[in-house]
PDB file of N, CA and C in Angstrom:
ATOM      1  N   ALA A   1      85.150  96.026 104.484  1.00  0.00           N
ATOM      2  CA  ALA A   1      86.290  96.402 103.662  1.00  0.00           C
ATOM      3  C   ALA A   1      86.443  97.915 103.683  1.00  0.00           C
ATOM      4  N   THR A   2      87.663  98.375 103.560  1.00  0.00           N
ATOM      5  CA  THR A   2      87.951  99.806 103.492  1.00  0.00           C
ATOM      6  C   THR A   2      88.803 100.093 102.264  1.00  0.00           C
ATOM      7  N   VAL A   3      88.720 101.330 101.787  1.00  0.00           N
ATOM      8  CA  VAL A   3      89.473 101.704 100.594  1.00  0.00           C
ATOM      9  C   VAL A   3      89.994 103.130 100.746  1.00  0.00           C
ATOM     10  N   SER A   4      91.182 103.352 100.195  1.00  0.00           N
ATOM     11  CA  SER A   4      91.760 104.691 100.074  1.00  0.00           C
ATOM     12  C   SER A   4      92.081 104.903  98.608  1.00  0.00           C
ATOM     13  N   TYR A   5      91.797 106.110  98.124  1.00  0.00           N
ATOM     14  CA  TYR A   5      92.033 106.438  96.726  1.00  0.00           C
ATOM     15  C   TYR A   5      92.879 107.697  96.655  1.00  0.00           C
ATOM     16  N   TYR A   6      93.956 107.642  95.885  1.00  0.00           N
ATOM     17  CA  TYR A   6      94.856 108.777  95.713  1.00  0.00           C
ATOM     18  C   TYR A   6      94.862 109.153  94.244  1.00  0.00           C
ATOM     19  N   TRP A   7      94.790 110.453  93.962  1.00  0.00           N
ATOM     20  CA  TRP A   7      94.610 110.939  92.601  1.00  0.00           C
ATOM     21  C   TRP A   7      95.605 112.052  92.298  1.00  0.00           C
ATOM     22  N   SER A   8      96.141 112.039  91.079  1.00  0.00           N
ATOM     23  CA  SER A   8      96.999 113.116  90.594  1.00  0.00           C
ATOM     24  C   SER A   8      96.331 113.740  89.378  1.00  0.00           C
ATOM     25  N   GLY A   9      95.850 114.946  89.514  1.00  0.00           N
ATOM     26  CA  GLY A   9      95.207 115.629  88.397  1.00  0.00           C
ATOM     27  C   GLY A   9      96.165 115.918  87.258  1.00  0.00           C
ATOM     28  N   SER A  10      97.435 116.160  87.569  1.00  0.00           N
ATOM     29  CA  SER A  10      98.392 116.487  86.513  1.00  0.00           C
ATOM     30  C   SER A  10      98.727 115.285  85.635  1.00  0.00           C
ATOM     31  N   THR A  11      98.686 114.079  86.185  1.00  0.00           N
ATOM     32  CA  THR A  11      99.000 112.884  85.392  1.00  0.00           C
ATOM     33  C   THR A  11      97.754 112.104  84.989  1.00  0.00           C
ATOM     34  N   ARG A  12      96.559 112.507  85.514  1.00  0.00           N
ATOM     35  CA  ARG A  12      95.298 111.790  85.269  1.00  0.00           C
ATOM     36  C   ARG A  12      95.445 110.311  85.645  1.00  0.00           C
ATOM     37  N   ALA A  13      96.092 110.086  86.771  1.00  0.00           N
ATOM     38  CA  ALA A  13      96.301 108.723  87.259  1.00  0.00           C
ATOM     39  C   ALA A  13      96.013 108.689  88.755  1.00  0.00           C
ATOM     40  N   GLY A  14      95.731 107.500  89.238  1.00  0.00           N
ATOM     41  CA  GLY A  14      95.452 107.338  90.653  1.00  0.00           C
ATOM     42  C   GLY A  14      95.835 105.950  91.122  1.00  0.00           C
ATOM     43  N   ALA A  15      95.691 105.754  92.408  1.00  0.00           N
ATOM     44  CA  ALA A  15      95.971 104.451  93.007  1.00  0.00           C
ATOM     45  C   ALA A  15      94.882 104.152  94.032  1.00  0.00           C
ATOM     46  N   LEU A  16      94.451 102.911  94.030  1.00  0.00           N
ATOM     47  CA  LEU A  16      93.405 102.431  94.923  1.00  0.00           C
ATOM     48  C   LEU A  16      94.025 101.395  95.850  1.00  0.00           C
ATOM     49  N   PHE A  17      93.854 101.572  97.160  1.00  0.00           N
ATOM     50  CA  PHE A  17      94.385 100.641  98.148  1.00  0.00           C
ATOM     51  C   PHE A  17      93.229 100.138  99.000  1.00  0.00           C
ATOM     52  N   CYS A  18      93.038  98.819  99.066  1.00  0.00           N
ATOM     53  CA  CYS A  18      91.914  98.211  99.791  1.00  0.00           C
ATOM     54  C   CYS A  18      92.431  97.289 100.898  1.00  0.00           C
ATOM     55  N   ASN A  19      91.690  97.266 101.997  1.00  0.00           N
ATOM     56  CA  ASN A  19      91.992  96.375 103.118  1.00  0.00           C
ATOM     57  C   ASN A  19      90.733  95.633 103.529  1.00  0.00           C
ATOM     58  N   ASP A  20      90.923  94.489 104.149  1.00  0.00           N
ATOM     59  CA  ASP A  20      89.815  93.677 104.669  1.00  0.00           C
ATOM     60  C   ASP A  20      88.840  93.240 103.579  1.00  0.00           C
ATOM     61  N   LEU A  21      89.367  92.963 102.386  1.00  0.00           N
ATOM     62  CA  LEU A  21      88.526  92.459 101.297  1.00  0.00           C
ATOM     63  C   LEU A  21      88.111  91.018 101.577  1.00  0.00           C
ATOM     64  N   PRO A  22      86.927  90.630 101.152  1.00  0.00           N
ATOM     65  CA  PRO A  22      86.512  89.243 101.359  1.00  0.00           C
ATOM     66  C   PRO A  22      87.265  88.314 100.410  1.00  0.00           C
ATOM     67  N   PRO A  23      87.381  87.052 100.762  1.00  0.00           N
ATOM     68  CA  PRO A  23      88.014  86.100  99.849  1.00  0.00           C
ATOM     69  C   PRO A  23      87.157  85.900  98.606  1.00  0.00           C
ATOM     70  N   LEU A  24      87.818  85.643  97.491  1.00  0.00           N
ATOM     71  CA  LEU A  24      87.133  85.386  96.231  1.00  0.00           C
ATOM     72  C   LEU A  24      87.062  83.894  95.950  1.00  0.00           C
ATOM     73  N   ARG A  25      86.018  83.483  95.243  1.00  0.00           N
ATOM     74  CA  ARG A  25      85.971  82.111  94.732  1.00  0.00           C
ATOM     75  C   ARG A  25      86.917  82.017  93.535  1.00  0.00           C
ATOM     76  N   GLU A  26      87.316  80.833  93.208  1.00  0.00           N
ATOM     77  CA  GLU A  26      88.203  80.627  92.062  1.00  0.00           C
ATOM     78  C   GLU A  26      87.585  81.236  90.810  1.00  0.00           C
ATOM     79  N   GLY A  27      88.382  81.995  90.074  1.00  0.00           N
ATOM     80  CA  GLY A  27      87.935  82.621  88.832  1.00  0.00           C
ATOM     81  C   GLY A  27      87.368  84.024  89.008  1.00  0.00           C
ATOM     82  N   GLN A  28      87.057  84.419  90.249  1.00  0.00           N
ATOM     83  CA  GLN A  28      86.515  85.751  90.477  1.00  0.00           C
ATOM     84  C   GLN A  28      87.631  86.795  90.559  1.00  0.00           C
ATOM     85  N   THR A  29      87.246  88.057  90.386  1.00  0.00           N
ATOM     86  CA  THR A  29      88.185  89.164  90.466  1.00  0.00           C
ATOM     87  C   THR A  29      87.473  90.387  91.035  1.00  0.00           C
ATOM     88  N   PHE A  30      88.238  91.303  91.580  1.00  0.00           N
ATOM     89  CA  PHE A  30      87.704  92.599  91.969  1.00  0.00           C
ATOM     90  C   PHE A  30      87.801  93.514  90.750  1.00  0.00           C
ATOM     91  N   GLN A  31      86.743  94.251  90.449  1.00  0.00           N
ATOM     92  CA  GLN A  31      86.703  95.148  89.292  1.00  0.00           C
ATOM     93  C   GLN A  31      86.495  96.573  89.792  1.00  0.00           C
ATOM     94  N   VAL A  32      87.274  97.514  89.250  1.00  0.00           N
ATOM     95  CA  VAL A  32      87.167  98.924  89.612  1.00  0.00           C
ATOM     96  C   VAL A  32      86.323  99.639  88.554  1.00  0.00           C
ATOM     97  N   TRP A  33      85.388 100.480  89.029  1.00  0.00           N
ATOM     98  CA  TRP A  33      84.479 101.232  88.153  1.00  0.00           C
ATOM     99  C   TRP A  33      84.517 102.703  88.518  1.00  0.00           C
ATOM    100  N   LEU A  34      84.429 103.550  87.489  1.00  0.00           N
ATOM    101  CA  LEU A  34      84.277 104.979  87.706  1.00  0.00           C
ATOM    102  C   LEU A  34      82.959 105.431  87.108  1.00  0.00           C
ATOM    103  N   THR A  35      82.262 106.291  87.807  1.00  0.00           N
ATOM    104  CA  THR A  35      81.016 106.866  87.310  1.00  0.00           C
ATOM    105  C   THR A  35      81.257 108.336  86.972  1.00  0.00           C
ATOM    106  N   THR A  36      80.818 108.741  85.781  1.00  0.00           N
ATOM    107  CA  THR A  36      80.860 110.136  85.369  1.00  0.00           C
ATOM    108  C   THR A  36      79.441 110.554  84.991  1.00  0.00           C
ATOM    109  N   GLU A  37      79.261 111.797  84.599  1.00  0.00           N
ATOM    110  CA  GLU A  37      77.950 112.237  84.124  1.00  0.00           C
ATOM    111  C   GLU A  37      77.531 111.473  82.869  1.00  0.00           C
ATOM    112  N   ASP A  38      78.515 110.950  82.115  1.00  0.00           N
ATOM    113  CA  ASP A  38      78.247 110.252  80.855  1.00  0.00           C
ATOM    114  C   ASP A  38      77.980 108.761  81.010  1.00  0.00           C
ATOM    115  N   GLY A  39      78.349 108.167  82.135  1.00  0.00           N
ATOM    116  CA  GLY A  39      78.149 106.731  82.297  1.00  0.00           C
ATOM    117  C   GLY A  39      79.110 106.127  83.289  1.00  0.00           C
ATOM    118  N   ILE A  40      79.237 104.804  83.195  1.00  0.00           N
ATOM    119  CA  ILE A  40      80.111 104.054  84.100  1.00  0.00           C
ATOM    120  C   ILE A  40      81.190 103.360  83.273  1.00  0.00           C
ATOM    121  N   TYR A  41      82.411 103.378  83.789  1.00  0.00           N
ATOM    122  CA  TYR A  41      83.555 102.861  83.048  1.00  0.00           C
ATOM    123  C   TYR A  41      84.306 101.826  83.875  1.00  0.00           C
ATOM    124  N   ALA A  42      84.598 100.676  83.260  1.00  0.00           N
ATOM    125  CA  ALA A  42      85.458  99.672  83.883  1.00  0.00           C
ATOM    126  C   ALA A  42      86.893 100.147  83.738  1.00  0.00           C
ATOM    127  N   ILE A  43      87.593 100.252  84.850  1.00  0.00           N
ATOM    128  CA  ILE A  43      88.950 100.792  84.840  1.00  0.00           C
ATOM    129  C   ILE A  43      90.008  99.700  84.983  1.00  0.00           C
ATOM    130  N   GLY A  44      89.627  98.548  85.456  1.00  0.00           N
ATOM    131  CA  GLY A  44      90.587  97.466  85.592  1.00  0.00           C
ATOM    132  C   GLY A  44      90.177  96.511  86.688  1.00  0.00           C
ATOM    133  N   SER A  45      90.906  95.432  86.784  1.00  0.00           N
ATOM    134  CA  SER A  45      90.603  94.421  87.787  1.00  0.00           C
ATOM    135  C   SER A  45      91.874  94.085  88.566  1.00  0.00           C
ATOM    136  N   PHE A  46      91.659  93.514  89.749  1.00  0.00           N
ATOM    137  CA  PHE A  46      92.799  93.134  90.584  1.00  0.00           C
ATOM    138  C   PHE A  46      92.408  91.968  91.478  1.00  0.00           C
ATOM    139  N   GLN A  47      93.409  91.330  92.029  1.00  0.00           N
ATOM    140  CA  GLN A  47      93.245  90.251  92.998  1.00  0.00           C
ATOM    141  C   GLN A  47      93.661  90.790  94.369  1.00  0.00           C
ATOM    142  N   SER A  48      93.405  90.023  95.402  1.00  0.00           N
ATOM    143  CA  SER A  48      93.835  90.418  96.739  1.00  0.00           C
ATOM    144  C   SER A  48      94.689  89.310  97.346  1.00  0.00           C
ATOM    145  N   TRP A  49      95.466  89.706  98.345  1.00  0.00           N
ATOM    146  CA  TRP A  49      96.306  88.773  99.085  1.00  0.00           C
ATOM    147  C   TRP A  49      96.030  89.012 100.554  1.00  0.00           C
ATOM    148  N   ASP A  50      95.464  88.009 101.200  1.00  0.00           N
ATOM    149  CA  ASP A  50      95.121  88.132 102.621  1.00  0.00           C
ATOM    150  C   ASP A  50      94.255  89.363 102.887  1.00  0.00           C
ATOM    151  N   GLY A  51      93.323  89.646 101.978  1.00  0.00           N
ATOM    152  CA  GLY A  51      92.393  90.754 102.166  1.00  0.00           C
ATOM    153  C   GLY A  51      92.897  92.116 101.745  1.00  0.00           C
ATOM    154  N   VAL A  52      94.108  92.179 101.195  1.00  0.00           N
ATOM    155  CA  VAL A  52      94.697  93.448 100.773  1.00  0.00           C
ATOM    156  C   VAL A  52      94.810  93.454  99.252  1.00  0.00           C
ATOM    157  N   GLY A  53      94.376  94.554  98.638  1.00  0.00           N
ATOM    158  CA  GLY A  53      94.472  94.681  97.187  1.00  0.00           C
ATOM    159  C   GLY A  53      94.797  96.103  96.804  1.00  0.00           C
ATOM    160  N   GLN A  54      95.395  96.259  95.629  1.00  0.00           N
ATOM    161  CA  GLN A  54      95.705  97.590  95.122  1.00  0.00           C
ATOM    162  C   GLN A  54      95.623  97.586  93.607  1.00  0.00           C
ATOM    163  N   HIS A  55      95.367  98.768  93.059  1.00  0.00           N
ATOM    164  CA  HIS A  55      95.261  98.885  91.608  1.00  0.00           C
ATOM    165  C   HIS A  55      95.663 100.289  91.190  1.00  0.00           C
ATOM    166  N   TYR A  56      96.505 100.382  90.167  1.00  0.00           N
ATOM    167  CA  TYR A  56      96.903 101.648  89.569  1.00  0.00           C
ATOM    168  C   TYR A  56      95.849 102.022  88.531  1.00  0.00           C
ATOM    169  N   LEU A  57      95.377 103.260  88.530  1.00  0.00           N
ATOM    170  CA  LEU A  57      94.319 103.699  87.634  1.00  0.00           C
ATOM    171  C   LEU A  57      94.844 104.755  86.669  1.00  0.00           C
ATOM    172  N   ASN A  58      94.795 104.450  85.380  1.00  0.00           N
ATOM    173  CA  ASN A  58      95.121 105.416  84.343  1.00  0.00           C
ATOM    174  C   ASN A  58      93.797 105.900  83.766  1.00  0.00           C
ATOM    175  N   LEU A  59      93.497 107.184  83.935  1.00  0.00           N
ATOM    176  CA  LEU A  59      92.196 107.712  83.549  1.00  0.00           C
ATOM    177  C   LEU A  59      92.231 108.519  82.255  1.00  0.00           C
ATOM    178  N   GLU A  60      93.261 108.328  81.445  1.00  0.00           N
ATOM    179  CA  GLU A  60      93.372 109.075  80.190  1.00  0.00           C
ATOM    180  C   GLU A  60      92.173 108.855  79.276  1.00  0.00           C
ATOM    181  N   ASP A  61      91.563 107.675  79.301  1.00  0.00           N
ATOM    182  CA  ASP A  61      90.448 107.365  78.414  1.00  0.00           C
ATOM    183  C   ASP A  61      89.082 107.672  79.017  1.00  0.00           C
ATOM    184  N   VAL A  62      89.046 108.190  80.222  1.00  0.00           N
ATOM    185  CA  VAL A  62      87.766 108.567  80.838  1.00  0.00           C
ATOM    186  C   VAL A  62      87.494 110.010  80.419  1.00  0.00           C
ATOM    187  N   PRO A  63      86.403 110.246  79.658  1.00  0.00           N
ATOM    188  CA  PRO A  63      86.200 111.548  79.025  1.00  0.00           C
ATOM    189  C   PRO A  63      85.738 112.671  79.945  1.00  0.00           C
ATOM    190  N   ALA A  64      85.257 112.359  81.121  1.00  0.00           N
ATOM    191  CA  ALA A  64      84.728 113.389  82.009  1.00  0.00           C
ATOM    192  C   ALA A  64      85.236 113.164  83.427  1.00  0.00           C
ATOM    193  N   ARG A  65      85.033 114.168  84.251  1.00  0.00           N
ATOM    194  CA  ARG A  65      85.474 114.096  85.639  1.00  0.00           C
ATOM    195  C   ARG A  65      84.728 112.990  86.376  1.00  0.00           C
ATOM    196  N   PRO A  66      85.456 112.081  87.040  1.00  0.00           N
ATOM    197  CA  PRO A  66      84.800 111.025  87.816  1.00  0.00           C
ATOM    198  C   PRO A  66      84.005 111.604  88.989  1.00  0.00           C
ATOM    199  N   LEU A  67      82.800 111.083  89.179  1.00  0.00           N
ATOM    200  CA  LEU A  67      81.940 111.500  90.279  1.00  0.00           C
ATOM    201  C   LEU A  67      81.945 110.488  91.415  1.00  0.00           C
ATOM    202  N   ALA A  68      82.198 109.217  91.078  1.00  0.00           N
ATOM    203  CA  ALA A  68      82.216 108.152  92.085  1.00  0.00           C
ATOM    204  C   ALA A  68      83.144 107.040  91.616  1.00  0.00           C
ATOM    205  N   ILE A  69      83.647 106.280  92.578  1.00  0.00           N
ATOM    206  CA  ILE A  69      84.485 105.118  92.291  1.00  0.00           C
ATOM    207  C   ILE A  69      83.905 103.936  93.060  1.00  0.00           C
ATOM    208  N   GLY A  70      83.954 102.772  92.450  1.00  0.00           N
ATOM    209  CA  GLY A  70      83.417 101.597  93.106  1.00  0.00           C
ATOM    210  C   GLY A  70      84.241 100.356  92.811  1.00  0.00           C
ATOM    211  N   VAL A  71      84.077  99.353  93.647  1.00  0.00           N
ATOM    212  CA  VAL A  71      84.714  98.055  93.466  1.00  0.00           C
ATOM    213  C   VAL A  71      83.624  96.997  93.577  1.00  0.00           C
ATOM    214  N   SER A  72      83.581  96.119  92.575  1.00  0.00           N
ATOM    215  CA  SER A  72      82.628  95.007  92.584  1.00  0.00           C
ATOM    216  C   SER A  72      83.387  93.692  92.515  1.00  0.00           C
ATOM    217  N   ILE A  73      82.708  92.610  92.812  1.00  0.00           N
ATOM    218  CA  ILE A  73      83.263  91.273  92.624  1.00  0.00           C
ATOM    219  C   ILE A  73      82.626  90.710  91.369  1.00  0.00           C
ATOM    220  N   GLU A  74      83.468  90.299  90.410  1.00  0.00           N
ATOM    221  CA  GLU A  74      82.977  89.810  89.124  1.00  0.00           C
ATOM    222  C   GLU A  74      83.501  88.398  88.858  1.00  0.00           C
ATOM    223  N   ASP A  75      82.750  87.663  88.056  1.00  0.00           N
ATOM    224  CA  ASP A  75      83.158  86.303  87.690  1.00  0.00           C
ATOM    225  C   ASP A  75      84.210  86.291  86.591  1.00  0.00           C
ATOM    226  N   THR A  76      84.361  87.398  85.858  1.00  0.00           N
ATOM    227  CA  THR A  76      85.386  87.520  84.821  1.00  0.00           C
ATOM    228  C   THR A  76      86.047  88.890  84.953  1.00  0.00           C
ATOM    229  N   PRO A  77      87.313  89.021  84.563  1.00  0.00           N
ATOM    230  CA  PRO A  77      88.002  90.307  84.709  1.00  0.00           C
ATOM    231  C   PRO A  77      87.574  91.356  83.683  1.00  0.00           C
ATOM    232  N   ASP A  78      86.738  91.004  82.728  1.00  0.00           N
ATOM    233  CA  ASP A  78      86.343  91.954  81.687  1.00  0.00           C
ATOM    234  C   ASP A  78      84.831  92.163  81.649  1.00  0.00           C
ATOM    235  N   ALA A  79      84.212  92.262  82.823  1.00  0.00           N
ATOM    236  CA  ALA A  79      82.761  92.448  82.899  1.00  0.00           C
ATOM    237  C   ALA A  79      82.368  93.752  82.206  1.00  0.00           C
ATOM    238  N   ALA A  80      81.285  93.705  81.430  1.00  0.00           N
ATOM    239  CA  ALA A  80      80.818  94.886  80.707  1.00  0.00           C
ATOM    240  C   ALA A  80      80.007  95.824  81.598  1.00  0.00           C
ATOM    241  N   GLU A  81      79.358  95.282  82.615  1.00  0.00           N
ATOM    242  CA  GLU A  81      78.570  96.071  83.548  1.00  0.00           C
ATOM    243  C   GLU A  81      78.853  95.579  84.962  1.00  0.00           C
ATOM    244  N   PRO A  82      78.794  96.485  85.933  1.00  0.00           N
ATOM    245  CA  PRO A  82      79.097  96.067  87.305  1.00  0.00           C
ATOM    246  C   PRO A  82      77.987  95.227  87.913  1.00  0.00           C
ATOM    247  N   GLY A  83      78.404  94.271  88.735  1.00  0.00           N
ATOM    248  CA  GLY A  83      77.464  93.553  89.577  1.00  0.00           C
ATOM    249  C   GLY A  83      77.229  94.377  90.826  1.00  0.00           C
ATOM    250  N   ASP A  84      76.918  93.725  91.915  1.00  0.00           N
ATOM    251  CA  ASP A  84      76.724  94.447  93.174  1.00  0.00           C
ATOM    252  C   ASP A  84      78.038  95.077  93.614  1.00  0.00           C
ATOM    253  N   MET A  85      77.978  96.340  93.994  1.00  0.00           N
ATOM    254  CA  MET A  85      79.164  97.059  94.444  1.00  0.00           C
ATOM    255  C   MET A  85      79.517  96.663  95.877  1.00  0.00           C
ATOM    256  N   LEU A  86      80.756  96.261  96.055  1.00  0.00           N
ATOM    257  CA  LEU A  86      81.278  95.945  97.383  1.00  0.00           C
ATOM    258  C   LEU A  86      81.659  97.243  98.109  1.00  0.00           C
ATOM    259  N   LEU A  87      82.281  98.148  97.385  1.00  0.00           N
ATOM    260  CA  LEU A  87      82.693  99.441  97.915  1.00  0.00           C
ATOM    261  C   LEU A  87      82.287 100.523  96.923  1.00  0.00           C
ATOM    262  N   ILE A  88      81.883 101.665  97.428  1.00  0.00           N
ATOM    263  CA  ILE A  88      81.596 102.810  96.554  1.00  0.00           C
ATOM    264  C   ILE A  88      81.905 104.084  97.325  1.00  0.00           C
ATOM    265  N   GLY A  89      82.500 105.032  96.615  1.00  0.00           N
ATOM    266  CA  GLY A  89      82.849 106.303  97.243  1.00  0.00           C
ATOM    267  C   GLY A  89      82.559 107.469  96.333  1.00  0.00           C
ATOM    268  N   ASP A  90      82.083 108.549  96.913  1.00  0.00           N
ATOM    269  CA  ASP A  90      81.778 109.788  96.197  1.00  0.00           C
ATOM    270  C   ASP A  90      83.070 110.569  96.013  1.00  0.00           C
ATOM    271  N   LEU A  91      83.345 111.020  94.796  1.00  0.00           N
ATOM    272  CA  LEU A  91      84.568 111.777  94.506  1.00  0.00           C
ATOM    273  C   LEU A  91      84.301 113.266  94.315  1.00  0.00           C
ATOM    274  N   ARG A  92      83.108 113.704  94.635  1.00  0.00           N
ATOM    275  CA  ARG A  92      82.809 115.145  94.437  1.00  0.00           C
ATOM    276  C   ARG A  92      83.343 115.975  95.563  1.00  0.00           C
TER     277      ARG A  92
END
């Protein structure tokens, strides 16, 4: 799988575009996570269509500068902690 992340510092928003994602089992979702010096934050979940997925990220509630972004596969869209990361990228 591959991912591209676009960020606007002036709006504190971004967009995540993924390709070649694996198929999900029924009930599963892709979950986006941000890591900061203070911890890890669930930013939202999304589905994919034919291996392609995208998610708009509003980071107004993230208190510190993100250091990394990741995507995991979760059994519920509101997971409190990430499972195994499918994708992870350094934002420094």
